[in-house]
């Protein structure tokens, strides 16, 4: 039986083996963050399908400008909009790729950065960023319809300690509509209304020094880009973050900051402020002028 968010498609499922010139359709599923997280396996899937196989990745429109160049480098055609399954021989879902490729252990996850922002768009946002030693992006809420949103999103007024860090300013990266507006004085600038798609979002992240975010798509985007970031997690987080470690095998430059008590964000926010203060003092955060694209 298909997963609840998977439409029924009349195609045989790919078994992960060579396709000998046949046509494979890989479709996105679940949320934006899930697709970003599992897109890293697309090149390996194309390689497994073999020379002569035609691999197409169908993704939602907001992700297409970001993922199309990444797919093209692996010989995959990324498409969006209406897809005709009858033009393909078999089907795979993007979040099933690790199982199809036989990847079962954390050490087998390709954790190196695999997505990149367009240099010309990064240059635009670097010119717009305030002239401060450290500019930190801030995301305080996820999709309101998410089953865990009440646990993972944070009232923005609780983040006030992050605005008091010397030499640092906060830049809003929360795309409207907002569930809760930030209090006056929390943000130096708000780039959220200018987010048009994930390629633009990637350029913003590359122009900043780091991001502080709750568990939502920007966390995965920052990780996939190799940008420094802190992910604020509830006491019982989503499966992909584990239960105790401060790091994750999925993304090498993300640090996980966890609640010790359910519903209490004071500890994680204080810890995040201390980490950012130390990073600023030691200049551990990569300067935006040399940020990787």
C-alpha atoms as a PDB file:
ATOM      1  CA  UNK A   1       0.000   0.000   0.000  1.00  0.00           C
ATOM      2  CA  UNK A   2       1.418   3.448  -0.849  1.00  0.00           C
ATOM      3  CA  UNK A   3       2.325   5.908   1.876  1.00  0.00           C
ATOM      4  CA  UNK A   4      -0.473   8.412   2.682  1.00  0.00           C
ATOM      5  CA  UNK A   5       1.173  11.240   0.754  1.00  0.00           C
ATOM      6  CA  UNK A   6       2.073   9.125  -2.275  1.00  0.00           C
ATOM      7  CA  UNK A   7      -0.362   9.038  -5.181  1.00  0.00           C
ATOM      8  CA  UNK A   8      -1.030   5.657  -6.708  1.00  0.00           C
ATOM      9  CA  UNK A   9       1.023   5.422  -9.917  1.00  0.00           C
ATOM     10  CA  UNK A  10       0.732   2.521 -12.308  1.00  0.00           C
ATOM     11  CA  UNK A  11       4.430   1.803 -12.704  1.00  0.00           C
ATOM     12  CA  UNK A  12       6.538  -1.075 -11.373  1.00  0.00           C
ATOM     13  CA  UNK A  13       8.832  -0.065  -8.529  1.00  0.00           C
ATOM     14  CA  UNK A  14      12.557   0.018  -9.263  1.00  0.00           C
ATOM     15  CA  UNK A  15      14.503  -2.675  -7.420  1.00  0.00           C
ATOM     16  CA  UNK A  16      17.751  -0.690  -7.299  1.00  0.00           C
ATOM     17  CA  UNK A  17      19.439  -2.692 -10.064  1.00  0.00           C
ATOM     18  CA  UNK A  18      20.855  -1.717 -13.481  1.00  0.00           C
ATOM     19  CA  UNK A  19      18.221  -0.604 -15.963  1.00  0.00           C
ATOM     20  CA  UNK A  20      20.069  -1.292 -19.227  1.00  0.00           C
ATOM     21  CA  UNK A  21      18.801   1.762 -21.063  1.00  0.00           C
ATOM     22  CA  UNK A  22      15.313   1.875 -19.571  1.00  0.00           C
ATOM     23  CA  UNK A  23      13.660   4.958 -18.082  1.00  0.00           C
ATOM     24  CA  UNK A  24      13.477   5.579 -14.314  1.00  0.00           C
ATOM     25  CA  UNK A  25      11.164   8.138 -12.755  1.00  0.00           C
ATOM     26  CA  UNK A  26      12.075   9.310  -9.221  1.00  0.00           C
ATOM     27  CA  UNK A  27       9.445  11.382  -7.460  1.00  0.00           C
ATOM     28  CA  UNK A  28       9.640  13.698  -4.473  1.00  0.00           C
ATOM     29  CA  UNK A  29       7.499  13.053  -1.405  1.00  0.00           C
ATOM     30  CA  UNK A  30       6.770  14.375   2.075  1.00  0.00           C
ATOM     31  CA  UNK A  31       8.017  17.896   2.895  1.00  0.00           C
ATOM     32  CA  UNK A  32      10.577  20.215   1.327  1.00  0.00           C
ATOM     33  CA  UNK A  33      13.162  19.341   3.958  1.00  0.00           C
ATOM     34  CA  UNK A  34      12.749  15.615   3.333  1.00  0.00           C
ATOM     35  CA  UNK A  35      13.377  16.097  -0.384  1.00  0.00           C
ATOM     36  CA  UNK A  36      16.475  18.227   0.265  1.00  0.00           C
ATOM     37  CA  UNK A  37      17.791  15.643   2.722  1.00  0.00           C
ATOM     38  CA  UNK A  38      17.357  12.652   0.415  1.00  0.00           C
ATOM     39  CA  UNK A  39      18.268  14.395  -2.844  1.00  0.00           C
ATOM     40  CA  UNK A  40      21.909  13.622  -2.001  1.00  0.00           C
ATOM     41  CA  UNK A  41      21.245  10.042  -3.145  1.00  0.00           C
ATOM     42  CA  UNK A  42      20.076  11.001  -6.643  1.00  0.00           C
ATOM     43  CA  UNK A  43      23.535  10.839  -8.286  1.00  0.00           C
ATOM     44  CA  UNK A  44      24.155   7.392  -6.773  1.00  0.00           C
ATOM     45  CA  UNK A  45      20.777   6.233  -8.040  1.00  0.00           C
ATOM     46  CA  UNK A  46      21.612   7.423 -11.546  1.00  0.00           C
ATOM     47  CA  UNK A  47      24.965   5.657 -11.392  1.00  0.00           C
ATOM     48  CA  UNK A  48      23.290   2.447 -10.230  1.00  0.00           C
ATOM     49  CA  UNK A  49      20.755   2.655 -13.058  1.00  0.00           C
ATOM     50  CA  UNK A  50      23.743   2.530 -15.368  1.00  0.00           C
ATOM     51  CA  UNK A  51      24.961   3.997 -18.608  1.00  0.00           C
ATOM     52  CA  UNK A  52      22.184   4.561 -21.097  1.00  0.00           C
ATOM     53  CA  UNK A  53      19.421   4.693 -18.499  1.00  0.00           C
ATOM     54  CA  UNK A  54      17.234   7.772 -18.577  1.00  0.00           C
ATOM     55  CA  UNK A  55      16.616   9.130 -15.081  1.00  0.00           C
ATOM     56  CA  UNK A  56      14.032  11.817 -14.421  1.00  0.00           C
ATOM     57  CA  UNK A  57      13.412  13.486 -11.081  1.00  0.00           C
ATOM     58  CA  UNK A  58       9.986  15.026 -10.582  1.00  0.00           C
ATOM     59  CA  UNK A  59       9.993  17.715  -7.903  1.00  0.00           C
ATOM     60  CA  UNK A  60       7.731  20.490  -6.693  1.00  0.00           C
ATOM     61  CA  UNK A  61       8.166  23.941  -8.238  1.00  0.00           C
ATOM     62  CA  UNK A  62       9.773  25.759  -5.230  1.00  0.00           C
ATOM     63  CA  UNK A  63      12.631  23.205  -5.204  1.00  0.00           C
ATOM     64  CA  UNK A  64      13.180  22.961  -8.952  1.00  0.00           C
ATOM     65  CA  UNK A  65      15.516  25.992  -9.394  1.00  0.00           C
ATOM     66  CA  UNK A  66      17.727  24.644  -6.605  1.00  0.00           C
ATOM     67  CA  UNK A  67      17.785  20.981  -7.579  1.00  0.00           C
ATOM     68  CA  UNK A  68      17.805  21.188 -11.374  1.00  0.00           C
ATOM     69  CA  UNK A  69      21.519  22.160 -11.673  1.00  0.00           C
ATOM     70  CA  UNK A  70      22.466  19.516  -9.088  1.00  0.00           C
ATOM     71  CA  UNK A  71      20.563  16.853 -11.028  1.00  0.00           C
ATOM     72  CA  UNK A  72      21.993  17.976 -14.366  1.00  0.00           C
ATOM     73  CA  UNK A  73      25.545  17.382 -13.123  1.00  0.00           C
ATOM     74  CA  UNK A  74      24.570  13.746 -12.525  1.00  0.00           C
ATOM     75  CA  UNK A  75      22.875  13.357 -15.886  1.00  0.00           C
ATOM     76  CA  UNK A  76      19.382  13.517 -14.361  1.00  0.00           C
ATOM     77  CA  UNK A  77      16.598  15.610 -15.839  1.00  0.00           C
ATOM     78  CA  UNK A  78      14.707  17.486 -13.126  1.00  0.00           C
ATOM     79  CA  UNK A  79      11.160  18.393 -14.088  1.00  0.00           C
ATOM     80  CA  UNK A  80       8.215  19.988 -12.340  1.00  0.00           C
ATOM     81  CA  UNK A  81       4.531  20.333 -13.081  1.00  0.00           C
ATOM     82  CA  UNK A  82       2.539  17.609 -14.803  1.00  0.00           C
ATOM     83  CA  UNK A  83       4.447  14.355 -15.309  1.00  0.00           C
ATOM     84  CA  UNK A  84       3.274  11.516 -17.550  1.00  0.00           C
ATOM     85  CA  UNK A  85       4.225   8.223 -15.871  1.00  0.00           C
ATOM     86  CA  UNK A  86       3.596   6.289 -19.087  1.00  0.00           C
ATOM     87  CA  UNK A  87       6.799   7.706 -20.540  1.00  0.00           C
ATOM     88  CA  UNK A  88       8.824   5.792 -17.932  1.00  0.00           C
ATOM     89  CA  UNK A  89       9.502   2.118 -17.242  1.00  0.00           C
ATOM     90  CA  UNK A  90       9.781   2.092 -13.441  1.00  0.00           C
ATOM     91  CA  UNK A  91       9.365   4.281 -10.392  1.00  0.00           C
ATOM     92  CA  UNK A  92      11.202   5.131  -7.170  1.00  0.00           C
ATOM     93  CA  UNK A  93      10.411   7.561  -4.354  1.00  0.00           C
ATOM     94  CA  UNK A  94      13.256   9.820  -3.277  1.00  0.00           C
ATOM     95  CA  UNK A  95      13.083   8.891   0.423  1.00  0.00           C
ATOM     96  CA  UNK A  96      13.374   5.195  -0.496  1.00  0.00           C
ATOM     97  CA  UNK A  97      16.693   5.638  -2.297  1.00  0.00           C
ATOM     98  CA  UNK A  98      18.933   4.687   0.675  1.00  0.00           C
ATOM     99  CA  UNK A  99      17.170   1.316   0.987  1.00  0.00           C
ATOM    100  CA  UNK A 100      17.340   0.716  -2.760  1.00  0.00           C
ATOM    101  CA  UNK A 101      21.052   1.577  -2.744  1.00  0.00           C
ATOM    102  CA  UNK A 102      21.779  -0.640   0.272  1.00  0.00           C
ATOM    103  CA  UNK A 103      22.727   2.257   2.569  1.00  0.00           C
ATOM    104  CA  UNK A 104      21.899   1.173   6.098  1.00  0.00           C
ATOM    105  CA  UNK A 105      24.614   2.658   8.325  1.00  0.00           C
ATOM    106  CA  UNK A 106      25.276   6.261   9.317  1.00  0.00           C
ATOM    107  CA  UNK A 107      28.881   6.089   8.150  1.00  0.00           C
ATOM    108  CA  UNK A 108      27.643   5.319   4.620  1.00  0.00           C
ATOM    109  CA  UNK A 109      25.653   8.558   4.366  1.00  0.00           C
ATOM    110  CA  UNK A 110      27.350  11.039   2.010  1.00  0.00           C
ATOM    111  CA  UNK A 111      27.568  13.995   4.422  1.00  0.00           C
ATOM    112  CA  UNK A 112      29.694  16.401   2.375  1.00  0.00           C
ATOM    113  CA  UNK A 113      27.908  19.496   1.025  1.00  0.00           C
ATOM    114  CA  UNK A 114      26.108  18.608  -2.167  1.00  0.00           C
ATOM    115  CA  UNK A 115      24.056  21.670  -3.106  1.00  0.00           C
ATOM    116  CA  UNK A 116      25.298  25.103  -4.135  1.00  0.00           C
ATOM    117  CA  UNK A 117      23.862  28.597  -4.387  1.00  0.00           C
ATOM    118  CA  UNK A 118      24.126  30.563  -7.635  1.00  0.00           C
ATOM    119  CA  UNK A 119      27.152  32.901  -7.275  1.00  0.00           C
ATOM    120  CA  UNK A 120      25.391  35.840  -8.912  1.00  0.00           C
ATOM    121  CA  UNK A 121      22.497  35.611  -6.438  1.00  0.00           C
ATOM    122  CA  UNK A 122      24.880  35.248  -3.484  1.00  0.00           C
ATOM    123  CA  UNK A 123      26.611  38.455  -4.593  1.00  0.00           C
ATOM    124  CA  UNK A 124      23.274  40.301  -4.521  1.00  0.00           C
ATOM    125  CA  UNK A 125      22.576  39.275  -0.947  1.00  0.00           C
ATOM    126  CA  UNK A 126      26.121  39.971   0.212  1.00  0.00           C
ATOM    127  CA  UNK A 127      25.652  43.548  -0.937  1.00  0.00           C
ATOM    128  CA  UNK A 128      22.394  43.765   1.012  1.00  0.00           C
ATOM    129  CA  UNK A 129      23.657  42.328   4.304  1.00  0.00           C
ATOM    130  CA  UNK A 130      24.420  44.779   7.104  1.00  0.00           C
ATOM    131  CA  UNK A 131      28.052  45.691   7.683  1.00  0.00           C
ATOM    132  CA  UNK A 132      28.497  43.792  10.915  1.00  0.00           C
ATOM    133  CA  UNK A 133      31.089  41.182  11.930  1.00  0.00           C
ATOM    134  CA  UNK A 134      28.457  38.447  12.161  1.00  0.00           C
ATOM    135  CA  UNK A 135      25.065  38.284  10.449  1.00  0.00           C
ATOM    136  CA  UNK A 136      22.965  35.371  11.685  1.00  0.00           C
ATOM    137  CA  UNK A 137      19.845  34.159   9.905  1.00  0.00           C
ATOM    138  CA  UNK A 138      16.897  33.273  12.119  1.00  0.00           C
ATOM    139  CA  UNK A 139      13.986  30.862  11.546  1.00  0.00           C
ATOM    140  CA  UNK A 140      11.605  30.356  14.471  1.00  0.00           C
ATOM    141  CA  UNK A 141       8.660  28.416  13.076  1.00  0.00           C
ATOM    142  CA  UNK A 142       7.901  25.632  10.638  1.00  0.00           C
ATOM    143  CA  UNK A 143       4.857  24.661   8.628  1.00  0.00           C
ATOM    144  CA  UNK A 144       1.775  25.115  10.807  1.00  0.00           C
ATOM    145  CA  UNK A 145       0.143  21.948   9.462  1.00  0.00           C
ATOM    146  CA  UNK A 146       3.088  19.754  10.500  1.00  0.00           C
ATOM    147  CA  UNK A 147       2.030  17.208  13.197  1.00  0.00           C
ATOM    148  CA  UNK A 148       4.894  18.296  15.478  1.00  0.00           C
ATOM    149  CA  UNK A 149       4.717  22.023  14.834  1.00  0.00           C
ATOM    150  CA  UNK A 150       3.578  22.888  18.365  1.00  0.00           C
ATOM    151  CA  UNK A 151       6.683  21.182  19.742  1.00  0.00           C
ATOM    152  CA  UNK A 152       9.249  22.404  17.207  1.00  0.00           C
ATOM    153  CA  UNK A 153       8.274  26.069  16.602  1.00  0.00           C
ATOM    154  CA  UNK A 154       9.330  28.803  19.054  1.00  0.00           C
ATOM    155  CA  UNK A 155       7.589  32.011  20.088  1.00  0.00           C
ATOM    156  CA  UNK A 156       9.961  34.613  18.581  1.00  0.00           C
ATOM    157  CA  UNK A 157      10.022  36.791  21.701  1.00  0.00           C
ATOM    158  CA  UNK A 158      11.861  33.941  23.480  1.00  0.00           C
ATOM    159  CA  UNK A 159      14.781  34.457  21.079  1.00  0.00           C
ATOM    160  CA  UNK A 160      15.583  37.942  22.399  1.00  0.00           C
ATOM    161  CA  UNK A 161      18.885  36.769  24.017  1.00  0.00           C
ATOM    162  CA  UNK A 162      20.255  36.116  20.523  1.00  0.00           C
ATOM    163  CA  UNK A 163      19.752  39.768  19.598  1.00  0.00           C
ATOM    164  CA  UNK A 164      21.973  40.922  22.459  1.00  0.00           C
ATOM    165  CA  UNK A 165      25.186  39.306  21.232  1.00  0.00           C
ATOM    166  CA  UNK A 166      27.976  41.858  20.719  1.00  0.00           C
ATOM    167  CA  UNK A 167      29.013  42.382  17.112  1.00  0.00           C
ATOM    168  CA  UNK A 168      26.166  40.224  15.781  1.00  0.00           C
ATOM    169  CA  UNK A 169      22.787  40.975  14.253  1.00  0.00           C
ATOM    170  CA  UNK A 170      19.835  38.796  13.326  1.00  0.00           C
ATOM    171  CA  UNK A 171      18.373  38.635   9.833  1.00  0.00           C
ATOM    172  CA  UNK A 172      14.877  37.206   9.459  1.00  0.00           C
ATOM    173  CA  UNK A 173      14.580  34.220   7.138  1.00  0.00           C
ATOM    174  CA  UNK A 174      10.977  33.379   7.976  1.00  0.00           C
ATOM    175  CA  UNK A 175       8.856  33.289   4.830  1.00  0.00           C
ATOM    176  CA  UNK A 176       5.347  34.757   5.192  1.00  0.00           C
ATOM    177  CA  UNK A 177       2.677  34.154   6.235  1.00  0.00           C
ATOM    178  CA  UNK A 178       3.887  34.259   9.832  1.00  0.00           C
ATOM    179  CA  UNK A 179       2.164  32.465  12.652  1.00  0.00           C
ATOM    180  CA  UNK A 180       3.832  34.796  15.149  1.00  0.00           C
ATOM    181  CA  UNK A 181       5.493  38.066  14.221  1.00  0.00           C
ATOM    182  CA  UNK A 182       8.894  38.878  15.771  1.00  0.00           C
ATOM    183  CA  UNK A 183       8.964  41.538  18.481  1.00  0.00           C
ATOM    184  CA  UNK A 184      10.317  44.971  17.664  1.00  0.00           C
ATOM    185  CA  UNK A 185      14.104  45.019  17.844  1.00  0.00           C
ATOM    186  CA  UNK A 186      14.712  41.304  17.362  1.00  0.00           C
ATOM    187  CA  UNK A 187      15.711  41.576  13.695  1.00  0.00           C
ATOM    188  CA  UNK A 188      18.110  44.043  12.097  1.00  0.00           C
ATOM    189  CA  UNK A 189      16.770  43.100   8.661  1.00  0.00           C
ATOM    190  CA  UNK A 190      14.007  40.814   7.409  1.00  0.00           C
ATOM    191  CA  UNK A 191      14.673  38.930   4.181  1.00  0.00           C
ATOM    192  CA  UNK A 192      11.726  36.586   4.611  1.00  0.00           C
ATOM    193  CA  UNK A 193       9.326  38.423   2.261  1.00  0.00           C
ATOM    194  CA  UNK A 194      11.948  38.179  -0.533  1.00  0.00           C
ATOM    195  CA  UNK A 195      12.133  34.378  -0.465  1.00  0.00           C
ATOM    196  CA  UNK A 196      10.687  33.286  -3.809  1.00  0.00           C
ATOM    197  CA  UNK A 197      12.024  29.727  -3.987  1.00  0.00           C
ATOM    198  CA  UNK A 198      14.735  27.553  -2.466  1.00  0.00           C
ATOM    199  CA  UNK A 199      17.413  28.743  -4.884  1.00  0.00           C
ATOM    200  CA  UNK A 200      16.916  32.279  -3.567  1.00  0.00           C
ATOM    201  CA  UNK A 201      16.866  30.945  -0.013  1.00  0.00           C
ATOM    202  CA  UNK A 202      20.183  29.170  -0.661  1.00  0.00           C
ATOM    203  CA  UNK A 203      21.759  32.423  -1.842  1.00  0.00           C
ATOM    204  CA  UNK A 204      20.634  34.176   1.342  1.00  0.00           C
ATOM    205  CA  UNK A 205      22.111  31.457   3.535  1.00  0.00           C
ATOM    206  CA  UNK A 206      25.393  31.601   1.624  1.00  0.00           C
ATOM    207  CA  UNK A 207      25.576  35.367   2.166  1.00  0.00           C
ATOM    208  CA  UNK A 208      25.165  35.089   5.938  1.00  0.00           C
ATOM    209  CA  UNK A 209      27.621  33.762   8.508  1.00  0.00           C
ATOM    210  CA  UNK A 210      25.345  31.163  10.091  1.00  0.00           C
ATOM    211  CA  UNK A 211      21.713  30.316  10.709  1.00  0.00           C
ATOM    212  CA  UNK A 212      19.765  29.507  13.848  1.00  0.00           C
ATOM    213  CA  UNK A 213      16.669  27.525  12.954  1.00  0.00           C
ATOM    214  CA  UNK A 214      14.070  25.191  14.307  1.00  0.00           C
ATOM    215  CA  UNK A 215      13.618  21.770  12.701  1.00  0.00           C
ATOM    216  CA  UNK A 216      12.246  22.742   9.300  1.00  0.00           C
ATOM    217  CA  UNK A 217      13.364  22.906   5.656  1.00  0.00           C
ATOM    218  CA  UNK A 218      15.951  25.711   6.150  1.00  0.00           C
ATOM    219  CA  UNK A 219      17.866  23.416   8.511  1.00  0.00           C
ATOM    220  CA  UNK A 220      18.218  20.846   5.731  1.00  0.00           C
ATOM    221  CA  UNK A 221      19.042  23.518   3.177  1.00  0.00           C
ATOM    222  CA  UNK A 222      21.819  24.979   5.344  1.00  0.00           C
ATOM    223  CA  UNK A 223      23.201  21.495   5.950  1.00  0.00           C
ATOM    224  CA  UNK A 224      23.099  20.549   2.269  1.00  0.00           C
ATOM    225  CA  UNK A 225      24.947  23.769   1.400  1.00  0.00           C
ATOM    226  CA  UNK A 226      27.590  23.153   4.067  1.00  0.00           C
ATOM    227  CA  UNK A 227      26.690  26.372   5.910  1.00  0.00           C
ATOM    228  CA  UNK A 228      27.261  26.686   9.671  1.00  0.00           C
ATOM    229  CA  UNK A 229      24.051  26.404  11.634  1.00  0.00           C
ATOM    230  CA  UNK A 230      22.385  25.640  14.943  1.00  0.00           C
ATOM    231  CA  UNK A 231      19.221  23.541  14.915  1.00  0.00           C
ATOM    232  CA  UNK A 232      17.012  24.059  17.972  1.00  0.00           C
ATOM    233  CA  UNK A 233      15.295  20.766  18.759  1.00  0.00           C
ATOM    234  CA  UNK A 234      12.447  19.741  21.080  1.00  0.00           C
ATOM    235  CA  UNK A 235      13.032  17.152  23.782  1.00  0.00           C
ATOM    236  CA  UNK A 236      11.765  14.371  21.494  1.00  0.00           C
ATOM    237  CA  UNK A 237      12.764  15.429  17.974  1.00  0.00           C
ATOM    238  CA  UNK A 238      12.086  13.946  14.584  1.00  0.00           C
ATOM    239  CA  UNK A 239      13.844  10.607  13.974  1.00  0.00           C
ATOM    240  CA  UNK A 240      16.552  12.030  11.723  1.00  0.00           C
ATOM    241  CA  UNK A 241      18.198  14.032  14.527  1.00  0.00           C
ATOM    242  CA  UNK A 242      18.566  11.191  17.044  1.00  0.00           C
ATOM    243  CA  UNK A 243      18.112  11.674  20.772  1.00  0.00           C
ATOM    244  CA  UNK A 244      21.320  12.968  22.297  1.00  0.00           C
ATOM    245  CA  UNK A 245      24.268  13.804  20.054  1.00  0.00           C
ATOM    246  CA  UNK A 246      25.235  17.414  19.283  1.00  0.00           C
ATOM    247  CA  UNK A 247      26.073  16.459  15.692  1.00  0.00           C
ATOM    248  CA  UNK A 248      24.407  14.523  12.893  1.00  0.00           C
ATOM    249  CA  UNK A 249      25.876  12.269  10.196  1.00  0.00           C
ATOM    250  CA  UNK A 250      23.554  13.918   7.679  1.00  0.00           C
ATOM    251  CA  UNK A 251      25.158  17.374   7.761  1.00  0.00           C
ATOM    252  CA  UNK A 252      28.720  18.060   8.797  1.00  0.00           C
ATOM    253  CA  UNK A 253      28.402  21.746   9.805  1.00  0.00           C
ATOM    254  CA  UNK A 254      25.119  21.692  11.708  1.00  0.00           C
ATOM    255  CA  UNK A 255      25.136  21.631  15.492  1.00  0.00           C
ATOM    256  CA  UNK A 256      22.098  20.263  17.321  1.00  0.00           C
ATOM    257  CA  UNK A 257      20.929  22.201  20.377  1.00  0.00           C
ATOM    258  CA  UNK A 258      18.374  20.231  22.367  1.00  0.00           C
ATOM    259  CA  UNK A 259      15.716  20.820  24.989  1.00  0.00           C
ATOM    260  CA  UNK A 260      16.380  19.129  28.304  1.00  0.00           C
ATOM    261  CA  UNK A 261      12.756  19.453  29.407  1.00  0.00           C
ATOM    262  CA  UNK A 262       9.731  19.256  27.085  1.00  0.00           C
ATOM    263  CA  UNK A 263       8.445  22.696  26.181  1.00  0.00           C
ATOM    264  CA  UNK A 264      11.324  24.596  27.821  1.00  0.00           C
ATOM    265  CA  UNK A 265      13.285  26.592  25.241  1.00  0.00           C
ATOM    266  CA  UNK A 266      15.288  28.648  27.732  1.00  0.00           C
ATOM    267  CA  UNK A 267      18.143  26.128  27.888  1.00  0.00           C
ATOM    268  CA  UNK A 268      18.601  25.676  24.112  1.00  0.00           C
ATOM    269  CA  UNK A 269      18.401  29.420  23.490  1.00  0.00           C
ATOM    270  CA  UNK A 270      20.981  30.134  26.199  1.00  0.00           C
ATOM    271  CA  UNK A 271      23.230  27.424  24.748  1.00  0.00           C
ATOM    272  CA  UNK A 272      22.813  28.814  21.230  1.00  0.00           C
ATOM    273  CA  UNK A 273      23.738  32.302  22.469  1.00  0.00           C
ATOM    274  CA  UNK A 274      26.869  30.926  24.161  1.00  0.00           C
ATOM    275  CA  UNK A 275      27.901  29.052  21.006  1.00  0.00           C
ATOM    276  CA  UNK A 276      27.452  32.140  18.838  1.00  0.00           C
ATOM    277  CA  UNK A 277      29.298  34.324  21.336  1.00  0.00           C
ATOM    278  CA  UNK A 278      32.253  31.923  21.347  1.00  0.00           C
ATOM    279  CA  UNK A 279      32.213  31.624  17.564  1.00  0.00           C
ATOM    280  CA  UNK A 280      32.269  35.394  17.191  1.00  0.00           C
ATOM    281  CA  UNK A 281      35.085  35.744  19.685  1.00  0.00           C
ATOM    282  CA  UNK A 282      37.202  33.093  18.004  1.00  0.00           C
ATOM    283  CA  UNK A 283      36.030  33.932  14.469  1.00  0.00           C
ATOM    284  CA  UNK A 284      34.986  30.337  13.923  1.00  0.00           C
ATOM    285  CA  UNK A 285      32.014  31.338  11.802  1.00  0.00           C
ATOM    286  CA  UNK A 286      33.084  31.704   8.177  1.00  0.00           C
ATOM    287  CA  UNK A 287      33.020  35.390   7.084  1.00  0.00           C
ATOM    288  CA  UNK A 288      30.304  36.171   4.562  1.00  0.00           C
ATOM    289  CA  UNK A 289      32.893  37.775   2.256  1.00  0.00           C
ATOM    290  CA  UNK A 290      34.406  34.331   1.695  1.00  0.00           C
ATOM    291  CA  UNK A 291      31.268  32.229   2.191  1.00  0.00           C
ATOM    292  CA  UNK A 292      31.146  29.111   0.071  1.00  0.00           C
ATOM    293  CA  UNK A 293      28.668  29.006  -2.732  1.00  0.00           C
END
